[in-house]
């Protein structure tokens, strides 16, 4: 069994970012949740908001599934995928997106 370390998680994230940027050219990526707050456990999932024009016309579950396929790490990833227009609306509403914008870490 592979031991999960912060170093390995960082390697997985960098690999994922390269694939994500290559396929979707996101305008914004936000890390949020326990990993952004730095109160995560070693096997805590990675919560992300991904904003890309390439999601236009793609149904919500398919976006998430396709982005998640790019992840090759041994812990879970939980992407929330929005078009720029959807994100502009969601960040003004009370909820997880607004909270992520306030407390998250911009990766791009």
Protein backbone atom coordinates (compact mmCIF):
# COMPACT_ATOMS: atom_id res chain seq x y z
CA UNK A 1 0.00 0.00 0.00
CA UNK A 2 1.26 3.48 -0.92
CA UNK A 3 1.73 5.88 1.97
CA UNK A 4 0.05 9.21 1.30
CA UNK A 5 2.18 12.24 2.16
CA UNK A 6 1.74 15.98 1.58
CA UNK A 7 4.59 15.77 -0.93
CA UNK A 8 2.76 13.11 -2.96
CA UNK A 9 -0.47 15.10 -2.84
CA UNK A 10 1.40 18.15 -4.17
CA UNK A 11 2.84 16.07 -7.03
CA UNK A 12 -0.64 14.74 -7.89
CA UNK A 13 -2.07 18.27 -7.84
CA UNK A 14 0.66 19.64 -10.14
CA UNK A 15 0.11 16.77 -12.59
CA UNK A 16 -3.65 17.37 -12.47
CA UNK A 17 -3.21 21.12 -13.05
CA UNK A 18 -1.15 20.51 -16.20
CA UNK A 19 -3.81 18.20 -17.61
CA UNK A 20 -6.64 20.52 -16.58
CA UNK A 21 -5.02 23.61 -18.15
CA UNK A 22 -4.21 21.71 -21.33
CA UNK A 23 -7.74 20.35 -21.81
CA UNK A 24 -9.97 23.15 -20.50
CA UNK A 25 -7.92 26.39 -20.38
CA UNK A 26 -9.70 27.45 -17.18
CA UNK A 27 -10.13 31.12 -16.38
CA UNK A 28 -10.19 30.39 -12.66
CA UNK A 29 -9.38 27.47 -10.34
CA UNK A 30 -10.03 27.78 -6.61
CA UNK A 31 -8.88 25.33 -3.95
CA UNK A 32 -11.30 25.41 -1.03
CA UNK A 33 -12.35 23.34 1.95
CA UNK A 34 -10.06 21.71 4.47
CA UNK A 35 -6.97 21.77 2.24
CA UNK A 36 -7.29 25.53 1.70
CA UNK A 37 -7.87 26.07 5.42
CA UNK A 38 -4.91 23.78 6.21
CA UNK A 39 -6.96 21.73 8.67
CA UNK A 40 -7.11 18.66 6.44
CA UNK A 41 -6.27 15.10 7.29
CA UNK A 42 -3.67 13.46 5.05
CA UNK A 43 -6.41 11.57 3.16
CA UNK A 44 -8.89 14.49 2.98
CA UNK A 45 -10.33 15.06 -0.47
CA UNK A 46 -9.40 18.01 -2.66
CA UNK A 47 -12.21 20.49 -3.27
CA UNK A 48 -11.91 22.66 -6.37
CA UNK A 49 -13.96 25.13 -8.33
CA UNK A 50 -13.02 25.12 -12.01
CA UNK A 51 -14.30 27.91 -14.27
CA UNK A 52 -13.96 27.43 -18.01
CA UNK A 53 -15.71 28.57 -21.19
CA UNK A 54 -15.24 25.00 -22.41
CA UNK A 55 -18.05 23.85 -20.08
CA UNK A 56 -20.63 25.77 -22.14
CA UNK A 57 -23.22 23.35 -23.51
CA UNK A 58 -21.90 20.46 -21.39
CA UNK A 59 -24.27 19.03 -18.79
CA UNK A 60 -23.27 19.42 -15.13
CA UNK A 61 -22.60 15.73 -14.28
CA UNK A 62 -20.58 15.21 -17.45
CA UNK A 63 -18.34 18.20 -16.65
CA UNK A 64 -17.54 16.85 -13.22
CA UNK A 65 -16.91 13.35 -14.53
CA UNK A 66 -14.59 14.51 -17.28
CA UNK A 67 -12.57 16.76 -14.97
CA UNK A 68 -12.37 14.03 -12.31
CA UNK A 69 -10.96 11.61 -14.92
CA UNK A 70 -7.87 13.81 -15.16
CA UNK A 71 -7.06 13.13 -11.49
CA UNK A 72 -4.64 10.25 -10.87
CA UNK A 73 -4.06 10.64 -7.13
CA UNK A 74 -4.99 8.13 -4.45
CA UNK A 75 -7.31 10.50 -2.59
CA UNK A 76 -10.61 11.82 -3.89
CA UNK A 77 -11.08 15.04 -5.80
CA UNK A 78 -14.37 16.96 -5.74
CA UNK A 79 -14.49 19.44 -8.63
CA UNK A 80 -17.33 21.92 -9.10
CA UNK A 81 -17.29 22.98 -12.74
CA UNK A 82 -18.87 26.21 -14.00
CA UNK A 83 -18.92 28.41 -17.06
CA UNK A 84 -17.82 32.01 -16.39
CA UNK A 85 -21.46 33.13 -16.55
CA UNK A 86 -22.61 30.48 -14.07
CA UNK A 87 -19.75 31.30 -11.73
CA UNK A 88 -20.57 35.03 -11.81
CA UNK A 89 -24.11 34.21 -10.63
CA UNK A 90 -23.14 31.53 -8.08
CA UNK A 91 -20.49 33.62 -6.32
CA UNK A 92 -23.15 36.22 -5.47
CA UNK A 93 -25.50 33.64 -3.95
CA UNK A 94 -25.23 32.36 -0.40
CA UNK A 95 -23.68 28.91 -0.61
CA UNK A 96 -20.56 26.88 -1.18
CA UNK A 97 -19.30 28.94 -4.14
CA UNK A 98 -19.55 32.23 -2.26
CA UNK A 99 -17.76 30.66 0.71
CA UNK A 100 -15.04 29.24 -1.55
CA UNK A 101 -14.46 32.65 -3.12
CA UNK A 102 -14.07 34.22 0.34
CA UNK A 103 -11.87 31.56 1.94
CA UNK A 104 -10.35 29.63 -0.94
CA UNK A 105 -6.96 29.85 -2.61
CA UNK A 106 -6.78 30.95 -6.25
CA UNK A 107 -4.66 28.50 -8.21
CA UNK A 108 -5.24 30.50 -11.38
